[in-house]
């Protein structure tokens, strides 16, 4: 038997091909670190094609494939461990080595999928550069002006928003209608910004949304299935914004602060007043919280100018969140997410979610600069 045939018996051809694909993926991954322009190109071409294709394929399913796999993981893991132990106990050394190669090839496939789907999105040009924003230190006065701006924008939508008495607002249509409206808004944004991939994609509703709320996860994009997943247990005003956030990941916006800001841009571009309201009030929350930390006097100045309906909305969210605020699941989830974000170059980890404040300030400044002189 030739050495090639011996190798084939130990390491199947499929495994060899997967290892070869992983080597190619590793070379690409390294190149992303050295060239942001190449990362941008890959993200908008091959990455966009892979993400879009997978989103279309899994979109055929009426349920979240990612949620199904996660819920099945204990059983699948148990079966895999049982199979490996059984095989190793009754197999020859050659068969045991073959099993190891098969398992390693599966891991290499997962790595390759990550690189081709999403890795380039973490290494491209930052969103503020793509938008032409000039980065400058953000002062408390900047936060104050931006908070006033988004407060006013949210107030302008209130005439067409329905609220429960002394409580939260109501989503005025079905979740599917909301997703359709967001896809329409993304079509507008993708025409305006060429770095946003053109894609009409579904958003999967999490079946076990309330248990998921204990993890503090309001939505998640799973690049292995191409699905944007939405926790529908959260208050209604958060849903359009959160769905837009996860949909931005589908379109190649990886960094969390950038996905947060892109979600706002999409909501603001919508023809629907409730979706616009969702975008403005979520940005207002980020800014008012930052302003509270920076200057409580200025915070109270803005808060006094906030419509009572918005105040009740935010209080209702606070009351809702208090039930889940100290859950053990959220601590574990936050730690895992923090590690993942840092491994992808987001040195702030989960704090990067709050860095959207800088982008919001730059946005308001750019609009003021573009405004005609009186």
Protein backbone atom coordinates (compact mmCIF):
# COMPACT_ATOMS: atom_id res chain seq x y z
CA UNK A 1 0.00 0.00 0.00
CA UNK A 2 1.40 3.37 -0.96
CA UNK A 3 2.04 6.08 1.59
CA UNK A 4 -0.77 8.14 -0.02
CA UNK A 5 -3.28 5.34 0.48
CA UNK A 6 -2.10 4.87 4.05
CA UNK A 7 -2.60 8.55 4.68
CA UNK A 8 -6.07 8.40 3.08
CA UNK A 9 -7.04 5.58 5.45
CA UNK A 10 -5.97 7.63 8.46
CA UNK A 11 -7.07 11.06 7.22
CA UNK A 12 -9.99 10.93 4.75
CA UNK A 13 -9.86 13.10 1.66
CA UNK A 14 -12.71 15.26 2.99
CA UNK A 15 -10.67 16.02 6.09
CA UNK A 16 -7.66 16.95 3.96
CA UNK A 17 -9.79 19.35 1.94
CA UNK A 18 -11.17 20.94 5.09
CA UNK A 19 -7.67 21.35 6.49
CA UNK A 20 -6.61 22.96 3.22
CA UNK A 21 -9.58 25.33 3.42
CA UNK A 22 -8.60 26.22 7.00
CA UNK A 23 -5.04 27.04 5.88
CA UNK A 24 -6.45 29.35 3.19
CA UNK A 25 -8.77 30.92 5.77
CA UNK A 26 -5.85 31.48 8.14
CA UNK A 27 -3.87 33.24 5.40
CA UNK A 28 -6.87 35.47 4.68
CA UNK A 29 -7.39 36.14 8.38
CA UNK A 30 -3.79 37.32 8.78
CA UNK A 31 -4.09 39.53 5.69
CA UNK A 32 -7.13 41.26 7.23
CA UNK A 33 -4.89 42.43 10.08
CA UNK A 34 -2.38 43.98 7.69
CA UNK A 35 -4.77 45.65 5.25
CA UNK A 36 -8.06 47.25 6.25
CA UNK A 37 -8.78 48.03 2.59
CA UNK A 38 -8.48 44.35 1.69
CA UNK A 39 -10.68 43.48 4.67
CA UNK A 40 -13.28 45.99 3.39
CA UNK A 41 -13.11 44.51 -0.11
CA UNK A 42 -13.48 40.94 1.17
CA UNK A 43 -16.30 41.94 3.52
CA UNK A 44 -18.28 43.58 0.71
CA UNK A 45 -17.72 40.80 -1.84
CA UNK A 46 -17.05 37.24 -0.69
CA UNK A 47 -18.18 37.90 2.89
CA UNK A 48 -21.43 39.54 1.74
CA UNK A 49 -22.10 36.67 -0.67
CA UNK A 50 -21.54 34.04 2.03
CA UNK A 51 -23.65 35.84 4.63
CA UNK A 52 -26.44 36.58 2.17
CA UNK A 53 -26.54 33.03 0.81
CA UNK A 54 -26.69 31.51 4.27
CA UNK A 55 -29.35 33.99 5.40
CA UNK A 56 -31.49 33.04 2.38
CA UNK A 57 -31.05 29.31 2.99
CA UNK A 58 -31.88 29.39 6.71
CA UNK A 59 -34.59 31.97 6.04
CA UNK A 60 -36.65 29.19 4.49
CA UNK A 61 -37.09 27.72 7.96
CA UNK A 62 -39.96 29.23 9.99
CA UNK A 63 -37.95 28.87 13.21
CA UNK A 64 -34.49 29.84 14.43
CA UNK A 65 -32.02 27.12 13.47
CA UNK A 66 -29.47 28.65 15.85
CA UNK A 67 -31.88 28.43 18.79
CA UNK A 68 -32.71 24.84 17.89
CA UNK A 69 -29.04 23.85 17.77
CA UNK A 70 -28.31 25.57 21.08
CA UNK A 71 -31.23 23.87 22.81
CA UNK A 72 -30.14 20.52 21.34
CA UNK A 73 -26.50 21.04 22.33
CA UNK A 74 -26.60 19.05 25.61
CA UNK A 75 -28.05 16.00 23.83
CA UNK A 76 -25.79 16.36 20.79
CA UNK A 77 -22.71 16.80 22.98
CA UNK A 78 -23.65 13.76 25.05
CA UNK A 79 -24.12 11.63 21.94
CA UNK A 80 -20.81 12.81 20.49
CA UNK A 81 -18.91 12.06 23.70
CA UNK A 82 -20.56 8.63 23.93
CA UNK A 83 -19.68 7.86 20.30
CA UNK A 84 -16.05 8.95 20.73
CA UNK A 85 -15.56 6.91 23.90
CA UNK A 86 -17.21 3.86 22.37
CA UNK A 87 -15.17 4.17 19.17
CA UNK A 88 -11.85 4.61 20.97
CA UNK A 89 -12.52 1.67 23.30
CA UNK A 90 -13.27 -0.73 20.46
CA UNK A 91 -11.11 0.70 17.70
CA UNK A 92 -7.55 0.13 16.60
CA UNK A 93 -4.95 2.84 16.94
CA UNK A 94 -5.40 3.72 13.26
CA UNK A 95 -9.17 4.11 13.69
CA UNK A 96 -8.67 6.25 16.79
CA UNK A 97 -6.30 8.55 14.92
CA UNK A 98 -8.80 8.72 12.06
CA UNK A 99 -11.50 9.84 14.50
CA UNK A 100 -9.23 12.56 15.84
CA UNK A 101 -8.60 13.82 12.31
CA UNK A 102 -12.34 13.90 11.65
CA UNK A 103 -13.02 15.92 14.81
CA UNK A 104 -10.19 18.33 14.01
CA UNK A 105 -11.52 18.80 10.49
CA UNK A 106 -14.92 19.77 11.88
CA UNK A 107 -13.27 22.39 14.10
CA UNK A 108 -11.26 23.65 11.13
CA UNK A 109 -14.50 23.99 9.14
CA UNK A 110 -16.02 26.11 11.90
CA UNK A 111 -12.96 28.36 11.84
CA UNK A 112 -13.08 28.65 8.05
CA UNK A 113 -16.77 29.59 8.14
CA UNK A 114 -16.05 32.34 10.66
CA UNK A 115 -13.28 33.78 8.49
CA UNK A 116 -15.28 33.70 5.27
CA UNK A 117 -18.47 34.99 6.92
CA UNK A 118 -17.47 37.61 9.43
CA UNK A 119 -13.79 37.96 10.34
CA UNK A 120 -13.08 40.61 7.71
CA UNK A 121 -15.86 42.80 9.12
CA UNK A 122 -13.88 43.25 12.34
CA UNK A 123 -10.74 44.47 10.55
CA UNK A 124 -12.08 46.93 7.99
CA UNK A 125 -12.30 50.71 8.07
CA UNK A 126 -14.18 52.04 11.09
CA UNK A 127 -17.71 53.36 10.64
CA UNK A 128 -16.84 56.93 11.62
CA UNK A 129 -14.26 57.01 8.81
CA UNK A 130 -16.74 55.58 6.32
CA UNK A 131 -19.25 58.24 7.32
CA UNK A 132 -16.65 61.00 7.18
CA UNK A 133 -16.97 61.96 10.85
CA UNK A 134 -14.04 63.81 12.37
CA UNK A 135 -13.11 62.25 15.69
CA UNK A 136 -12.65 64.75 18.50
CA UNK A 137 -12.88 64.49 22.29
CA UNK A 138 -16.49 64.53 23.45
CA UNK A 139 -17.29 67.11 26.13
CA UNK A 140 -20.25 67.21 28.50
CA UNK A 141 -21.59 70.12 26.46
CA UNK A 142 -21.45 67.90 23.37
CA UNK A 143 -23.44 65.24 25.20
CA UNK A 144 -25.96 67.87 26.30
CA UNK A 145 -26.51 69.18 22.76
CA UNK A 146 -26.79 65.69 21.31
CA UNK A 147 -29.22 64.58 24.04
CA UNK A 148 -31.40 67.63 23.34
CA UNK A 149 -31.34 66.82 19.63
CA UNK A 150 -32.47 63.21 20.02
CA UNK A 151 -34.98 64.21 22.68
CA UNK A 152 -36.56 66.62 20.21
CA UNK A 153 -36.50 64.06 17.38
CA UNK A 154 -38.24 61.48 19.59
CA UNK A 155 -40.81 64.09 20.65
CA UNK A 156 -41.67 64.81 17.02
CA UNK A 157 -42.79 61.19 16.53
CA UNK A 158 -45.07 61.05 19.58
CA UNK A 159 -48.23 62.21 17.83
CA UNK A 160 -48.30 58.89 15.95
CA UNK A 161 -47.23 56.62 18.82
CA UNK A 162 -49.77 54.87 21.06
CA UNK A 163 -49.03 54.44 24.77
CA UNK A 164 -50.65 52.51 27.55
CA UNK A 165 -51.84 54.92 30.24
CA UNK A 166 -48.80 55.94 32.27
CA UNK A 167 -46.75 53.17 30.69
CA UNK A 168 -44.97 51.83 27.66
CA UNK A 169 -45.70 52.33 23.97
CA UNK A 170 -47.26 49.63 21.81
CA UNK A 171 -45.90 48.21 18.57
CA UNK A 172 -48.75 49.08 16.18
CA UNK A 173 -48.36 46.07 13.87
CA UNK A 174 -47.07 42.51 13.78
CA UNK A 175 -43.42 41.55 14.14
CA UNK A 176 -43.33 40.47 10.51
CA UNK A 177 -44.62 43.84 9.36
CA UNK A 178 -41.93 45.49 11.47
CA UNK A 179 -39.24 43.35 9.82
CA UNK A 180 -40.58 44.17 6.36
CA UNK A 181 -40.46 47.89 7.17
CA UNK A 182 -36.88 47.54 8.42
CA UNK A 183 -35.87 45.76 5.21
CA UNK A 184 -37.36 48.68 3.28
CA UNK A 185 -35.33 51.11 5.40
CA UNK A 186 -32.18 49.07 4.81
CA UNK A 187 -32.80 49.32 1.06
CA UNK A 188 -32.71 53.12 1.44
CA UNK A 189 -29.54 52.98 3.56
CA UNK A 190 -27.73 50.60 1.20
CA UNK A 191 -28.38 53.05 -1.64
CA UNK A 192 -27.04 55.88 0.48
CA UNK A 193 -24.00 54.04 1.85
CA UNK A 194 -22.25 51.63 -0.51
CA UNK A 195 -20.49 49.82 2.36
CA UNK A 196 -23.85 48.41 3.54
CA UNK A 197 -24.58 45.15 1.71
CA UNK A 198 -27.85 44.95 -0.19
CA UNK A 199 -29.88 42.17 1.39
CA UNK A 200 -33.54 41.46 2.11
CA UNK A 201 -33.37 39.18 5.11
CA UNK A 202 -35.70 37.66 7.70
CA UNK A 203 -35.33 38.08 11.45
CA UNK A 204 -36.04 34.99 13.52
CA UNK A 205 -38.16 35.39 16.65
CA UNK A 206 -36.74 33.56 19.66
CA UNK A 207 -39.26 30.98 20.88
CA UNK A 208 -37.89 31.00 24.44
CA UNK A 209 -37.61 34.75 24.65
CA UNK A 210 -38.45 35.15 28.34
CA UNK A 211 -35.81 32.64 29.56
CA UNK A 212 -33.34 34.34 27.24
CA UNK A 213 -34.08 37.67 28.93
CA UNK A 214 -32.28 36.41 32.05
CA UNK A 215 -29.08 36.51 29.98
CA UNK A 216 -29.78 40.20 29.12
CA UNK A 217 -29.58 39.30 25.44
CA UNK A 218 -32.17 41.22 23.43
CA UNK A 219 -30.96 39.90 20.10
CA UNK A 220 -28.12 37.93 18.56
CA UNK A 221 -26.63 37.35 15.11
CA UNK A 222 -25.31 33.83 14.55
CA UNK A 223 -22.90 33.88 11.62
CA UNK A 224 -22.83 30.06 11.48
CA UNK A 225 -26.49 30.06 10.47
CA UNK A 226 -26.70 33.57 8.99
CA UNK A 227 -29.68 34.36 11.22
CA UNK A 228 -30.57 37.59 12.97
CA UNK A 229 -32.48 36.52 16.10
CA UNK A 230 -34.78 38.78 18.14
CA UNK A 231 -35.88 38.41 21.76
CA UNK A 232 -39.50 39.56 21.61
CA UNK A 233 -39.96 39.59 25.39
CA UNK A 234 -38.32 43.00 25.67
CA UNK A 235 -40.52 46.15 25.63
CA UNK A 236 -41.93 47.06 22.23
CA UNK A 237 -39.98 50.28 21.70
CA UNK A 238 -36.69 48.34 21.82
CA UNK A 239 -37.70 45.77 19.18
CA UNK A 240 -37.26 47.74 15.90
CA UNK A 241 -33.92 49.12 17.05
CA UNK A 242 -32.65 45.73 18.25
CA UNK A 243 -33.79 43.98 15.08
CA UNK A 244 -32.04 46.65 13.00
CA UNK A 245 -28.89 46.10 15.07
CA UNK A 246 -28.82 42.35 14.36
CA UNK A 247 -29.67 42.94 10.70
CA UNK A 248 -26.65 45.26 10.45
CA UNK A 249 -24.42 42.32 11.42
CA UNK A 250 -25.95 40.38 8.52
CA UNK A 251 -24.81 43.22 6.28
CA UNK A 252 -21.19 43.26 7.43
CA UNK A 253 -21.20 45.72 10.35
CA UNK A 254 -19.38 43.78 13.06
CA UNK A 255 -18.36 46.16 15.88
CA UNK A 256 -21.12 46.51 18.46
CA UNK A 257 -20.99 50.29 18.77
CA UNK A 258 -21.09 50.56 14.97
CA UNK A 259 -24.02 48.14 14.73
CA UNK A 260 -25.83 50.19 17.36
CA UNK A 261 -25.33 53.38 15.39
CA UNK A 262 -26.21 51.75 12.08
CA UNK A 263 -29.44 50.54 13.71
CA UNK A 264 -30.24 54.17 14.49
CA UNK A 265 -29.48 55.32 10.94
CA UNK A 266 -31.78 52.63 9.58
CA UNK A 267 -34.61 53.45 11.98
CA UNK A 268 -34.28 57.16 11.20
CA UNK A 269 -34.48 56.38 7.47
CA UNK A 270 -37.76 54.48 7.87
CA UNK A 271 -41.04 55.91 6.64
CA UNK A 272 -42.73 54.48 9.73
CA UNK A 273 -43.04 56.82 12.74
CA UNK A 274 -42.84 54.05 15.36
CA UNK A 275 -39.59 52.72 13.92
CA UNK A 276 -38.18 56.25 13.82
CA UNK A 277 -39.31 56.71 17.42
CA UNK A 278 -37.54 53.48 18.39
CA UNK A 279 -34.29 54.71 16.83
CA UNK A 280 -34.41 58.17 18.38
CA UNK A 281 -35.37 57.09 21.88
CA UNK A 282 -32.73 54.36 22.02
CA UNK A 283 -30.05 56.88 21.06
CA UNK A 284 -31.51 59.32 23.58
CA UNK A 285 -31.10 56.65 26.29
CA UNK A 286 -27.43 56.20 25.48
CA UNK A 287 -26.81 59.93 25.60
CA UNK A 288 -28.84 60.71 28.70
CA UNK A 289 -27.08 57.93 30.61
CA UNK A 290 -23.68 59.24 29.49
CA UNK A 291 -24.70 62.78 30.43
CA UNK A 292 -25.79 61.60 33.89
CA UNK A 293 -22.28 60.30 34.48
CA UNK A 294 -20.65 63.44 33.07
CA UNK A 295 -22.78 66.22 34.59
CA UNK A 296 -25.90 65.64 36.65
CA UNK A 297 -26.97 69.28 36.38
CA UNK A 298 -27.05 69.15 32.57
CA UNK A 299 -28.74 65.75 32.80
CA UNK A 300 -31.60 67.23 34.82
CA UNK A 301 -31.87 70.13 32.36
CA UNK A 302 -32.49 67.68 29.53
CA UNK A 303 -34.75 65.45 31.61
CA UNK A 304 -37.01 68.40 32.47
CA UNK A 305 -37.52 68.94 28.73
CA UNK A 306 -38.40 65.29 28.12
CA UNK A 307 -42.04 64.55 27.31
CA UNK A 308 -43.83 62.75 30.15
CA UNK A 309 -44.74 59.89 27.81
CA UNK A 310 -41.05 59.25 27.13
CA UNK A 311 -40.32 59.47 30.84
CA UNK A 312 -43.00 56.85 31.54
CA UNK A 313 -41.61 54.71 28.70
CA UNK A 314 -38.14 54.67 30.23
CA UNK A 315 -39.50 54.08 33.74
CA UNK A 316 -41.56 51.13 32.44
CA UNK A 317 -38.38 49.68 30.93
CA UNK A 318 -36.57 50.12 34.25
CA UNK A 319 -39.38 48.31 36.07
CA UNK A 320 -39.31 45.52 33.48
CA UNK A 321 -35.54 45.13 33.65
CA UNK A 322 -35.35 45.00 37.45
CA UNK A 323 -36.65 41.42 37.45
CA UNK A 324 -33.69 40.25 35.35
CA UNK A 325 -30.95 42.68 36.40
CA UNK A 326 -29.01 40.41 38.78
CA UNK A 327 -29.38 37.01 37.16
CA UNK A 328 -26.47 34.57 37.22
CA UNK A 329 -27.04 33.80 33.54
CA UNK A 330 -26.36 37.41 32.61
CA UNK A 331 -23.01 37.36 34.44
CA UNK A 332 -21.88 34.28 32.54
CA UNK A 333 -23.16 35.54 29.20
CA UNK A 334 -21.54 38.94 29.66
CA UNK A 335 -18.18 37.35 30.53
CA UNK A 336 -18.27 35.09 27.45
CA UNK A 337 -19.32 37.95 25.17
CA UNK A 338 -16.64 40.20 26.63
CA UNK A 339 -13.91 37.66 25.85
CA UNK A 340 -15.23 37.12 22.32
CA UNK A 341 -15.33 40.85 21.52
CA UNK A 342 -11.80 41.37 22.83
CA UNK A 343 -10.46 38.49 20.72
CA UNK A 344 -11.91 40.25 17.66
CA UNK A 345 -10.00 43.45 18.29
CA UNK A 346 -12.61 45.36 20.31
CA UNK A 347 -10.35 46.16 23.24
CA UNK A 348 -13.22 47.71 25.20
CA UNK A 349 -15.05 44.38 25.19
CA UNK A 350 -18.70 44.70 26.17
CA UNK A 351 -18.06 48.39 26.95
CA UNK A 352 -17.94 48.90 23.19
CA UNK A 353 -21.74 48.83 23.21
CA UNK A 354 -21.65 52.23 24.93
CA UNK A 355 -19.14 53.78 22.53
CA UNK A 356 -22.07 54.52 20.23
CA UNK A 357 -22.35 57.80 22.18
CA UNK A 358 -19.32 59.20 20.34
CA UNK A 359 -20.86 58.36 16.97
CA UNK A 360 -24.13 59.99 18.04
CA UNK A 361 -22.30 63.17 19.00
CA UNK A 362 -20.39 63.21 15.69
CA UNK A 363 -23.69 62.70 13.87
CA UNK A 364 -25.30 65.72 15.52
CA UNK A 365 -22.22 67.85 14.94
CA UNK A 366 -22.10 66.88 11.27
CA UNK A 367 -25.77 67.83 10.86
CA UNK A 368 -25.14 71.18 12.56
CA UNK A 369 -22.13 71.81 10.30
CA UNK A 370 -24.21 71.03 7.23
CA UNK A 371 -27.07 73.29 8.31
CA UNK A 372 -27.27 76.57 6.33
CA UNK A 373 -26.21 79.68 8.17
CA UNK A 374 -29.01 81.92 9.42
